[in-house]
mmCIF file of all heavy atoms, coordinates in Angstrom:
data_MODEL
# 
_entry.id   MODEL 
# 
loop_
_atom_site.group_PDB 
_atom_site.id 
_atom_site.type_symbol 
_atom_site.label_atom_id 
_atom_site.label_alt_id 
_atom_site.label_comp_id 
_atom_site.label_asym_id 
_atom_site.label_entity_id 
_atom_site.label_seq_id 
_atom_site.pdbx_PDB_ins_code 
_atom_site.Cartn_x 
_atom_site.Cartn_y 
_atom_site.Cartn_z 
_atom_site.occupancy 
_atom_site.B_iso_or_equiv 
_atom_site.pdbx_formal_charge 
_atom_site.auth_seq_id 
_atom_site.auth_comp_id 
_atom_site.auth_asym_id 
_atom_site.auth_atom_id 
_atom_site.pdbx_PDB_model_num 
ATOM 1   N N   . ALA A 1 1  ? 0.821   -1.214 0.000   1.00 0.00 ? 1  ALA A N   1 
ATOM 2   C CA  . ALA A 1 1  ? 0.000   0.000  0.000   1.00 0.00 ? 1  ALA A CA  1 
ATOM 3   C C   . ALA A 1 1  ? 0.855   1.265  0.000   1.00 0.00 ? 1  ALA A C   1 
ATOM 4   O O   . ALA A 1 1  ? 0.394   2.315  -0.450  1.00 0.00 ? 1  ALA A O   1 
ATOM 5   C CB  . ALA A 1 1  ? -0.915  0.007  1.225   1.00 0.00 ? 1  ALA A CB  1 
ATOM 6   N N   . ILE A 1 2  ? 2.084   1.174  0.485   1.00 0.00 ? 2  ILE A N   1 
ATOM 7   C CA  . ILE A 1 2  ? 2.924   2.374  0.598   1.00 0.00 ? 2  ILE A CA  1 
ATOM 8   C C   . ILE A 1 2  ? 3.161   3.019  -0.760  1.00 0.00 ? 2  ILE A C   1 
ATOM 9   O O   . ILE A 1 2  ? 2.802   4.189  -0.959  1.00 0.00 ? 2  ILE A O   1 
ATOM 10  C CB  . ILE A 1 2  ? 4.257   2.046  1.311   1.00 0.00 ? 2  ILE A CB  1 
ATOM 11  C CG1 . ILE A 1 2  ? 3.988   1.572  2.738   1.00 0.00 ? 2  ILE A CG1 1 
ATOM 12  C CG2 . ILE A 1 2  ? 5.174   3.268  1.316   1.00 0.00 ? 2  ILE A CG2 1 
ATOM 13  C CD1 . ILE A 1 2  ? 5.221   1.072  3.466   1.00 0.00 ? 2  ILE A CD1 1 
ATOM 14  N N   . PRO A 1 3  ? 3.759   2.316  -1.740  1.00 0.00 ? 3  PRO A N   1 
ATOM 15  C CA  . PRO A 1 3  ? 3.950   2.967  -3.049  1.00 0.00 ? 3  PRO A CA  1 
ATOM 16  C C   . PRO A 1 3  ? 2.644   3.225  -3.782  1.00 0.00 ? 3  PRO A C   1 
ATOM 17  O O   . PRO A 1 3  ? 2.519   4.220  -4.506  1.00 0.00 ? 3  PRO A O   1 
ATOM 18  C CB  . PRO A 1 3  ? 4.838   1.976  -3.815  1.00 0.00 ? 3  PRO A CB  1 
ATOM 19  C CG  . PRO A 1 3  ? 4.618   0.664  -3.149  1.00 0.00 ? 3  PRO A CG  1 
ATOM 20  C CD  . PRO A 1 3  ? 4.376   0.971  -1.706  1.00 0.00 ? 3  PRO A CD  1 
ATOM 21  N N   . VAL A 1 4  ? 1.652   2.340  -3.606  1.00 0.00 ? 4  VAL A N   1 
ATOM 22  C CA  . VAL A 1 4  ? 0.374   2.506  -4.312  1.00 0.00 ? 4  VAL A CA  1 
ATOM 23  C C   . VAL A 1 4  ? -0.335  3.787  -3.861  1.00 0.00 ? 4  VAL A C   1 
ATOM 24  O O   . VAL A 1 4  ? -0.734  4.627  -4.678  1.00 0.00 ? 4  VAL A O   1 
ATOM 25  C CB  . VAL A 1 4  ? -0.542  1.282  -4.072  1.00 0.00 ? 4  VAL A CB  1 
ATOM 26  C CG1 . VAL A 1 4  ? -1.947  1.554  -4.585  1.00 0.00 ? 4  VAL A CG1 1 
ATOM 27  C CG2 . VAL A 1 4  ? 0.024   0.052  -4.757  1.00 0.00 ? 4  VAL A CG2 1 
ATOM 28  N N   . MET A 1 5  ? -0.507  3.938  -2.554  1.00 0.00 ? 5  MET A N   1 
ATOM 29  C CA  . MET A 1 5  ? -1.214  5.111  -2.040  1.00 0.00 ? 5  MET A CA  1 
ATOM 30  C C   . MET A 1 5  ? -0.406  6.387  -2.229  1.00 0.00 ? 5  MET A C   1 
ATOM 31  O O   . MET A 1 5  ? -0.964  7.451  -2.513  1.00 0.00 ? 5  MET A O   1 
ATOM 32  C CB  . MET A 1 5  ? -1.545  4.912  -0.557  1.00 0.00 ? 5  MET A CB  1 
ATOM 33  C CG  . MET A 1 5  ? -2.557  3.836  -0.292  1.00 0.00 ? 5  MET A CG  1 
ATOM 34  S SD  . MET A 1 5  ? -2.920  3.746  1.472   1.00 0.00 ? 5  MET A SD  1 
ATOM 35  C CE  . MET A 1 5  ? -4.015  2.320  1.494   1.00 0.00 ? 5  MET A CE  1 
ATOM 36  N N   . LEU A 1 6  ? 0.921   6.281  -2.070  1.00 0.00 ? 6  LEU A N   1 
ATOM 37  C CA  . LEU A 1 6  ? 1.768   7.447  -2.271  1.00 0.00 ? 6  LEU A CA  1 
ATOM 38  C C   . LEU A 1 6  ? 1.671   7.929  -3.715  1.00 0.00 ? 6  LEU A C   1 
ATOM 39  O O   . LEU A 1 6  ? 1.507   9.130  -3.973  1.00 0.00 ? 6  LEU A O   1 
ATOM 40  C CB  . LEU A 1 6  ? 3.217   7.112  -1.917  1.00 0.00 ? 6  LEU A CB  1 
ATOM 41  C CG  . LEU A 1 6  ? 4.222   8.262  -2.022  1.00 0.00 ? 6  LEU A CG  1 
ATOM 42  C CD1 . LEU A 1 6  ? 3.841   9.388  -1.071  1.00 0.00 ? 6  LEU A CD1 1 
ATOM 43  C CD2 . LEU A 1 6  ? 5.628   7.758  -1.718  1.00 0.00 ? 6  LEU A CD2 1 
ATOM 44  N N   . GLY A 1 7  ? 1.737   7.001  -4.651  1.00 0.00 ? 7  GLY A N   1 
ATOM 45  C CA  . GLY A 1 7  ? 1.636   7.357  -6.066  1.00 0.00 ? 7  GLY A CA  1 
ATOM 46  C C   . GLY A 1 7  ? 0.284   7.950  -6.416  1.00 0.00 ? 7  GLY A C   1 
ATOM 47  O O   . GLY A 1 7  ? 0.200   8.972  -7.110  1.00 0.00 ? 7  GLY A O   1 
ATOM 48  N N   . ALA A 1 8  ? -0.790  7.310  -5.924  1.00 0.00 ? 8  ALA A N   1 
ATOM 49  C CA  . ALA A 1 8  ? -2.140  7.803  -6.210  1.00 0.00 ? 8  ALA A CA  1 
ATOM 50  C C   . ALA A 1 8  ? -2.349  9.196  -5.615  1.00 0.00 ? 8  ALA A C   1 
ATOM 51  O O   . ALA A 1 8  ? -2.953  10.077 -6.242  1.00 0.00 ? 8  ALA A O   1 
ATOM 52  C CB  . ALA A 1 8  ? -3.176  6.829  -5.653  1.00 0.00 ? 8  ALA A CB  1 
ATOM 53  N N   . SER A 1 9  ? -1.833  9.415  -4.400  1.00 0.00 ? 9  SER A N   1 
ATOM 54  C CA  . SER A 1 9  ? -1.996  10.712 -3.745  1.00 0.00 ? 9  SER A CA  1 
ATOM 55  C C   . SER A 1 9  ? -1.227  11.808 -4.476  1.00 0.00 ? 9  SER A C   1 
ATOM 56  O O   . SER A 1 9  ? -1.751  12.905 -4.693  1.00 0.00 ? 9  SER A O   1 
ATOM 57  C CB  . SER A 1 9  ? -1.516  10.616 -2.290  1.00 0.00 ? 9  SER A CB  1 
ATOM 58  O OG  . SER A 1 9  ? -2.294  9.694  -1.563  1.00 0.00 ? 9  SER A OG  1 
ATOM 59  N N   . LEU A 1 10 ? 0.007   11.518 -4.859  1.00 0.00 ? 10 LEU A N   1 
ATOM 60  C CA  . LEU A 1 10 ? 0.811   12.505 -5.587  1.00 0.00 ? 10 LEU A CA  1 
ATOM 61  C C   . LEU A 1 10 ? 0.160   12.857 -6.920  1.00 0.00 ? 10 LEU A C   1 
ATOM 62  O O   . LEU A 1 10 ? 0.155   14.015 -7.336  1.00 0.00 ? 10 LEU A O   1 
ATOM 63  C CB  . LEU A 1 10 ? 2.229   11.970 -5.804  1.00 0.00 ? 10 LEU A CB  1 
ATOM 64  C CG  . LEU A 1 10 ? 3.107   11.879 -4.557  1.00 0.00 ? 10 LEU A CG  1 
ATOM 65  C CD1 . LEU A 1 10 ? 4.459   11.256 -4.900  1.00 0.00 ? 10 LEU A CD1 1 
ATOM 66  C CD2 . LEU A 1 10 ? 3.308   13.242 -3.920  1.00 0.00 ? 10 LEU A CD2 1 
ATOM 67  N N   . LEU A 1 11 ? -0.412  11.847 -7.583  1.00 0.00 ? 11 LEU A N   1 
ATOM 68  C CA  . LEU A 1 11 ? -1.077  12.079 -8.860  1.00 0.00 ? 11 LEU A CA  1 
ATOM 69  C C   . LEU A 1 11 ? -2.263  13.028 -8.687  1.00 0.00 ? 11 LEU A C   1 
ATOM 70  O O   . LEU A 1 11 ? -2.457  13.958 -9.481  1.00 0.00 ? 11 LEU A O   1 
ATOM 71  C CB  . LEU A 1 11 ? -1.538  10.746 -9.459  1.00 0.00 ? 11 LEU A CB  1 
ATOM 72  C CG  . LEU A 1 11 ? -2.109  10.770 -10.883 1.00 0.00 ? 11 LEU A CG  1 
ATOM 73  C CD1 . LEU A 1 11 ? -1.052  11.236 -11.866 1.00 0.00 ? 11 LEU A CD1 1 
ATOM 74  C CD2 . LEU A 1 11 ? -2.624  9.377  -11.271 1.00 0.00 ? 11 LEU A CD2 1 
ATOM 75  N N   . LYS A 1 12 ? -3.049  12.807 -7.622  1.00 0.00 ? 12 LYS A N   1 
ATOM 76  C CA  . LYS A 1 12 ? -4.202  13.664 -7.369  1.00 0.00 ? 12 LYS A CA  1 
ATOM 77  C C   . LYS A 1 12 ? -3.778  15.085 -6.998  1.00 0.00 ? 12 LYS A C   1 
ATOM 78  O O   . LYS A 1 12 ? -4.406  16.067 -7.428  1.00 0.00 ? 12 LYS A O   1 
ATOM 79  C CB  . LYS A 1 12 ? -5.060  13.068 -6.246  1.00 0.00 ? 12 LYS A CB  1 
ATOM 80  C CG  . LYS A 1 12 ? -5.838  11.819 -6.641  1.00 0.00 ? 12 LYS A CG  1 
ATOM 81  C CD  . LYS A 1 12 ? -6.900  12.138 -7.675  1.00 0.00 ? 12 LYS A CD  1 
ATOM 82  C CE  . LYS A 1 12 ? -7.737  10.902 -7.992  1.00 0.00 ? 12 LYS A CE  1 
ATOM 83  N NZ  . LYS A 1 12 ? -8.739  11.166 -9.052  1.00 0.00 ? 12 LYS A NZ  1 
ATOM 84  N N   . ILE A 1 13 ? -2.715  15.212 -6.199  1.00 0.00 ? 13 ILE A N   1 
ATOM 85  C CA  . ILE A 1 13 ? -2.241  16.536 -5.792  1.00 0.00 ? 13 ILE A CA  1 
ATOM 86  C C   . ILE A 1 13 ? -1.735  17.317 -6.997  1.00 0.00 ? 13 ILE A C   1 
ATOM 87  O O   . ILE A 1 13 ? -2.014  18.516 -7.151  1.00 0.00 ? 13 ILE A O   1 
ATOM 88  C CB  . ILE A 1 13 ? -1.134  16.405 -4.725  1.00 0.00 ? 13 ILE A CB  1 
ATOM 89  C CG1 . ILE A 1 13 ? -1.731  15.893 -3.407  1.00 0.00 ? 13 ILE A CG1 1 
ATOM 90  C CG2 . ILE A 1 13 ? -0.448  17.746 -4.495  1.00 0.00 ? 13 ILE A CG2 1 
ATOM 91  C CD1 . ILE A 1 13 ? -0.695  15.593 -2.343  1.00 0.00 ? 13 ILE A CD1 1 
ATOM 92  N N   . ILE A 1 14 ? -0.990  16.645 -7.870  1.00 0.00 ? 14 ILE A N   1 
ATOM 93  C CA  . ILE A 1 14 ? -0.469  17.301 -9.073  1.00 0.00 ? 14 ILE A CA  1 
ATOM 94  C C   . ILE A 1 14 ? -1.615  17.784 -9.957  1.00 0.00 ? 14 ILE A C   1 
ATOM 95  O O   . ILE A 1 14 ? -1.592  18.898 -10.490 1.00 0.00 ? 14 ILE A O   1 
ATOM 96  C CB  . ILE A 1 14 ? 0.450   16.343 -9.852  1.00 0.00 ? 14 ILE A CB  1 
ATOM 97  C CG1 . ILE A 1 14 ? 1.745   16.100 -9.068  1.00 0.00 ? 14 ILE A CG1 1 
ATOM 98  C CG2 . ILE A 1 14 ? 0.776   16.901 -11.245 1.00 0.00 ? 14 ILE A CG2 1 
ATOM 99  C CD1 . ILE A 1 14 ? 2.613   15.006 -9.635  1.00 0.00 ? 14 ILE A CD1 1 
ATOM 100 N N   . LYS A 1 15 ? -2.644  16.947 -10.111 1.00 0.00 ? 15 LYS A N   1 
ATOM 101 C CA  . LYS A 1 15 ? -3.780  17.325 -10.942 1.00 0.00 ? 15 LYS A CA  1 
ATOM 102 C C   . LYS A 1 15 ? -4.579  18.471 -10.316 1.00 0.00 ? 15 LYS A C   1 
ATOM 103 O O   . LYS A 1 15 ? -5.107  19.330 -11.019 1.00 0.00 ? 15 LYS A O   1 
ATOM 104 C CB  . LYS A 1 15 ? -4.693  16.117 -11.165 1.00 0.00 ? 15 LYS A CB  1 
ATOM 105 C CG  . LYS A 1 15 ? -4.088  15.069 -12.099 1.00 0.00 ? 15 LYS A CG  1 
ATOM 106 C CD  . LYS A 1 15 ? -5.042  13.910 -12.317 1.00 0.00 ? 15 LYS A CD  1 
ATOM 107 C CE  . LYS A 1 15 ? -4.456  12.899 -13.287 1.00 0.00 ? 15 LYS A CE  1 
ATOM 108 N NZ  . LYS A 1 15 ? -5.356  11.752 -13.524 1.00 0.00 ? 15 LYS A NZ  1 
ATOM 109 N N   . TYR A 1 16 ? -4.652  18.476 -8.987  1.00 0.00 ? 16 TYR A N   1 
ATOM 110 C CA  . TYR A 1 16 ? -5.398  19.528 -8.309  1.00 0.00 ? 16 TYR A CA  1 
ATOM 111 C C   . TYR A 1 16 ? -4.607  20.842 -8.311  1.00 0.00 ? 16 TYR A C   1 
ATOM 112 O O   . TYR A 1 16 ? -5.167  21.929 -8.435  1.00 0.00 ? 16 TYR A O   1 
ATOM 113 C CB  . TYR A 1 16 ? -5.702  19.119 -6.862  1.00 0.00 ? 16 TYR A CB  1 
ATOM 114 C CG  . TYR A 1 16 ? -6.496  20.151 -6.099  1.00 0.00 ? 16 TYR A CG  1 
ATOM 115 C CD1 . TYR A 1 16 ? -7.867  20.273 -6.297  1.00 0.00 ? 16 TYR A CD1 1 
ATOM 116 C CD2 . TYR A 1 16 ? -5.867  21.004 -5.192  1.00 0.00 ? 16 TYR A CD2 1 
ATOM 117 C CE1 . TYR A 1 16 ? -8.597  21.230 -5.597  1.00 0.00 ? 16 TYR A CE1 1 
ATOM 118 C CE2 . TYR A 1 16 ? -6.593  21.957 -4.490  1.00 0.00 ? 16 TYR A CE2 1 
ATOM 119 C CZ  . TYR A 1 16 ? -7.960  22.059 -4.699  1.00 0.00 ? 16 TYR A CZ  1 
ATOM 120 O OH  . TYR A 1 16 ? -8.681  23.007 -4.009  1.00 0.00 ? 16 TYR A OH  1 
ATOM 121 N N   . GLY A 1 17 ? -3.284  20.722 -8.192  1.00 0.00 ? 17 GLY A N   1 
ATOM 122 C CA  . GLY A 1 17 ? -2.446  21.913 -8.071  1.00 0.00 ? 17 GLY A CA  1 
ATOM 123 C C   . GLY A 1 17 ? -2.038  22.130 -6.626  1.00 0.00 ? 17 GLY A C   1 
ATOM 124 O O   . GLY A 1 17 ? -2.621  21.554 -5.708  1.00 0.00 ? 17 GLY A O   1 
ATOM 125 N N   . LEU A 1 18 ? -1.049  22.968 -6.406  1.00 0.00 ? 18 LEU A N   1 
ATOM 126 C CA  . LEU A 1 18 ? -0.509  23.170 -5.063  1.00 0.00 ? 18 LEU A CA  1 
ATOM 127 C C   . LEU A 1 18 ? -1.046  24.436 -4.396  1.00 0.00 ? 18 LEU A C   1 
ATOM 128 O O   . LEU A 1 18 ? -0.461  24.935 -3.437  1.00 0.00 ? 18 LEU A O   1 
ATOM 129 C CB  . LEU A 1 18 ? 1.025   23.225 -5.128  1.00 0.00 ? 18 LEU A CB  1 
ATOM 130 C CG  . LEU A 1 18 ? 1.696   21.954 -5.665  1.00 0.00 ? 18 LEU A CG  1 
ATOM 131 C CD1 . LEU A 1 18 ? 3.208   22.162 -5.752  1.00 0.00 ? 18 LEU A CD1 1 
ATOM 132 C CD2 . LEU A 1 18 ? 1.375   20.753 -4.788  1.00 0.00 ? 18 LEU A CD2 1 
ATOM 133 N N   . PHE A 1 19 ? -2.144  24.938 -4.894  1.00 0.00 ? 19 PHE A N   1 
ATOM 134 C CA  . PHE A 1 19 ? -2.708  26.169 -4.344  1.00 0.00 ? 19 PHE A CA  1 
ATOM 135 C C   . PHE A 1 19 ? -3.887  25.833 -3.436  1.00 0.00 ? 19 PHE A C   1 
ATOM 136 O O   . PHE A 1 19 ? -5.017  25.642 -3.899  1.00 0.00 ? 19 PHE A O   1 
ATOM 137 C CB  . PHE A 1 19 ? -3.135  27.107 -5.478  1.00 0.00 ? 19 PHE A CB  1 
ATOM 138 C CG  . PHE A 1 19 ? -2.003  27.443 -6.413  1.00 0.00 ? 19 PHE A CG  1 
ATOM 139 C CD1 . PHE A 1 19 ? -1.897  26.789 -7.630  1.00 0.00 ? 19 PHE A CD1 1 
ATOM 140 C CD2 . PHE A 1 19 ? -1.055  28.381 -6.054  1.00 0.00 ? 19 PHE A CD2 1 
ATOM 141 C CE1 . PHE A 1 19 ? -0.851  27.083 -8.498  1.00 0.00 ? 19 PHE A CE1 1 
ATOM 142 C CE2 . PHE A 1 19 ? -0.006  28.687 -6.914  1.00 0.00 ? 19 PHE A CE2 1 
ATOM 143 C CZ  . PHE A 1 19 ? 0.095   28.034 -8.132  1.00 0.00 ? 19 PHE A CZ  1 
ATOM 144 N N   . PHE A 1 20 ? -3.605  25.736 -2.136  1.00 0.00 ? 20 PHE A N   1 
ATOM 145 C CA  . PHE A 1 20 ? -4.624  25.400 -1.155  1.00 0.00 ? 20 PHE A CA  1 
ATOM 146 C C   . PHE A 1 20 ? -4.937  26.615 -0.287  1.00 0.00 ? 20 PHE A C   1 
ATOM 147 O O   . PHE A 1 20 ? -4.043  27.380 0.070   1.00 0.00 ? 20 PHE A O   1 
ATOM 148 C CB  . PHE A 1 20 ? -4.146  24.266 -0.235  1.00 0.00 ? 20 PHE A CB  1 
ATOM 149 C CG  . PHE A 1 20 ? -3.866  22.973 -0.941  1.00 0.00 ? 20 PHE A CG  1 
ATOM 150 C CD1 . PHE A 1 20 ? -2.570  22.644 -1.332  1.00 0.00 ? 20 PHE A CD1 1 
ATOM 151 C CD2 . PHE A 1 20 ? -4.890  22.082 -1.212  1.00 0.00 ? 20 PHE A CD2 1 
ATOM 152 C CE1 . PHE A 1 20 ? -2.307  21.453 -1.975  1.00 0.00 ? 20 PHE A CE1 1 
ATOM 153 C CE2 . PHE A 1 20 ? -4.639  20.879 -1.853  1.00 0.00 ? 20 PHE A CE2 1 
ATOM 154 C CZ  . PHE A 1 20 ? -3.347  20.568 -2.230  1.00 0.00 ? 20 PHE A CZ  1 
ATOM 155 N N   . SER A 1 21 ? -6.197  26.741 0.077   1.00 0.00 ? 21 SER A N   1 
ATOM 156 C CA  . SER A 1 21 ? -6.565  27.764 1.056   1.00 0.00 ? 21 SER A CA  1 
ATOM 157 C C   . SER A 1 21 ? -6.194  27.250 2.444   1.00 0.00 ? 21 SER A C   1 
ATOM 158 O O   . SER A 1 21 ? -5.902  26.060 2.630   1.00 0.00 ? 21 SER A O   1 
ATOM 159 C CB  . SER A 1 21 ? -8.066  28.046 0.988   1.00 0.00 ? 21 SER A CB  1 
ATOM 160 O OG  . SER A 1 21 ? -8.801  26.914 1.442   1.00 0.00 ? 21 SER A OG  1 
ATOM 161 N N   . ALA A 1 22 ? -6.209  28.139 3.429   1.00 0.00 ? 22 ALA A N   1 
ATOM 162 C CA  . ALA A 1 22 ? -5.881  27.738 4.798   1.00 0.00 ? 22 ALA A CA  1 
ATOM 163 C C   . ALA A 1 22 ? -6.862  26.675 5.301   1.00 0.00 ? 22 ALA A C   1 
ATOM 164 O O   . ALA A 1 22 ? -6.471  25.706 5.969   1.00 0.00 ? 22 ALA A O   1 
ATOM 165 C CB  . ALA A 1 22 ? -5.894  28.960 5.714   1.00 0.00 ? 22 ALA A CB  1 
ATOM 166 N N   . MET A 1 23 ? -8.138  26.833 4.972   1.00 0.00 ? 23 MET A N   1 
ATOM 167 C CA  . MET A 1 23 ? -9.135  25.856 5.397   1.00 0.00 ? 23 MET A CA  1 
ATOM 168 C C   . MET A 1 23 ? -8.902  24.504 4.734   1.00 0.00 ? 23 MET A C   1 
ATOM 169 O O   . MET A 1 23 ? -9.009  23.455 5.380   1.00 0.00 ? 23 MET A O   1 
ATOM 170 C CB  . MET A 1 23 ? -10.552 26.361 5.078   1.00 0.00 ? 23 MET A CB  1 
ATOM 171 C CG  . MET A 1 23 ? -11.659 25.362 5.436   1.00 0.00 ? 23 MET A CG  1 
ATOM 172 S SD  . MET A 1 23 ? -11.621 24.821 7.162   1.00 0.00 ? 23 MET A SD  1 
ATOM 173 C CE  . MET A 1 23 ? -12.183 26.308 7.982   1.00 0.00 ? 23 MET A CE  1 
ATOM 174 N N   . GLU A 1 24 ? -8.564  24.511 3.457   1.00 0.00 ? 24 GLU A N   1 
ATOM 175 C CA  . GLU A 1 24 ? -8.302  23.253 2.754   1.00 0.00 ? 24 GLU A CA  1 
ATOM 176 C C   . GLU A 1 24 ? -7.098  22.530 3.347   1.00 0.00 ? 24 GLU A C   1 
ATOM 177 O O   . GLU A 1 24 ? -7.124  21.308 3.524   1.00 0.00 ? 24 GLU A O   1 
ATOM 178 C CB  . GLU A 1 24 ? -8.090  23.531 1.265   1.00 0.00 ? 24 GLU A CB  1 
ATOM 179 C CG  . GLU A 1 24 ? -9.358  23.925 0.529   1.00 0.00 ? 24 GLU A CG  1 
ATOM 180 C CD  . GLU A 1 24 ? -9.102  24.324 -0.913  1.00 0.00 ? 24 GLU A CD  1 
ATOM 181 O OE1 . GLU A 1 24 ? -7.944  24.687 -1.240  1.00 0.00 ? 24 GLU A OE1 1 
ATOM 182 O OE2 . GLU A 1 24 ? -10.050 24.303 -1.724  1.00 0.00 ? 24 GLU A OE2 1 
ATOM 183 N N   . LEU A 1 25 ? -6.054  23.284 3.663   1.00 0.00 ? 25 LEU A N   1 
ATOM 184 C CA  . LEU A 1 25 ? -4.880  22.676 4.298   1.00 0.00 ? 25 LEU A CA  1 
ATOM 185 C C   . LEU A 1 25 ? -5.245  22.102 5.664   1.00 0.00 ? 25 LEU A C   1 
ATOM 186 O O   . LEU A 1 25 ? -4.781  21.014 6.040   1.00 0.00 ? 25 LEU A O   1 
ATOM 187 C CB  . LEU A 1 25 ? -3.763  23.703 4.446   1.00 0.00 ? 25 LEU A CB  1 
ATOM 188 C CG  . LEU A 1 25 ? -2.979  24.057 3.180   1.00 0.00 ? 25 LEU A CG  1 
ATOM 189 C CD1 . LEU A 1 25 ? -2.006  25.198 3.463   1.00 0.00 ? 25 LEU A CD1 1 
ATOM 190 C CD2 . LEU A 1 25 ? -2.232  22.824 2.654   1.00 0.00 ? 25 LEU A CD2 1 
ATOM 191 N N   . GLY A 1 26 ? -6.082  22.814 6.402   1.00 0.00 ? 26 GLY A N   1 
ATOM 192 C CA  . GLY A 1 26 ? -6.516  22.323 7.709   1.00 0.00 ? 26 GLY A CA  1 
ATOM 193 C C   . GLY A 1 26 ? -7.324  21.048 7.599   1.00 0.00 ? 26 GLY A C   1 
ATOM 194 O O   . GLY A 1 26 ? -7.129  20.104 8.376   1.00 0.00 ? 26 GLY A O   1 
ATOM 195 N N   . ILE A 1 27 ? -8.232  21.000 6.626   1.00 0.00 ? 27 ILE A N   1 
ATOM 196 C CA  . ILE A 1 27 ? -9.057  19.804 6.417   1.00 0.00 ? 27 ILE A CA  1 
ATOM 197 C C   . ILE A 1 27 ? -8.169  18.612 6.059   1.00 0.00 ? 27 ILE A C   1 
ATOM 198 O O   . ILE A 1 27 ? -8.339  17.507 6.601   1.00 0.00 ? 27 ILE A O   1 
ATOM 199 C CB  . ILE A 1 27 ? -10.091 20.060 5.305   1.00 0.00 ? 27 ILE A CB  1 
ATOM 200 C CG1 . ILE A 1 27 ? -11.153 21.049 5.789   1.00 0.00 ? 27 ILE A CG1 1 
ATOM 201 C CG2 . ILE A 1 27 ? -10.746 18.749 4.863   1.00 0.00 ? 27 ILE A CG2 1 
ATOM 202 C CD1 . ILE A 1 27 ? -12.099 21.520 4.710   1.00 0.00 ? 27 ILE A CD1 1 
# 
């Protein structure tokens, strides 16, 4: 699960972008 979840999470973050609001970062 370590490489699988890490890869899936990084893929989603890249697609979403690195611009988070303070509330989004908190959530």
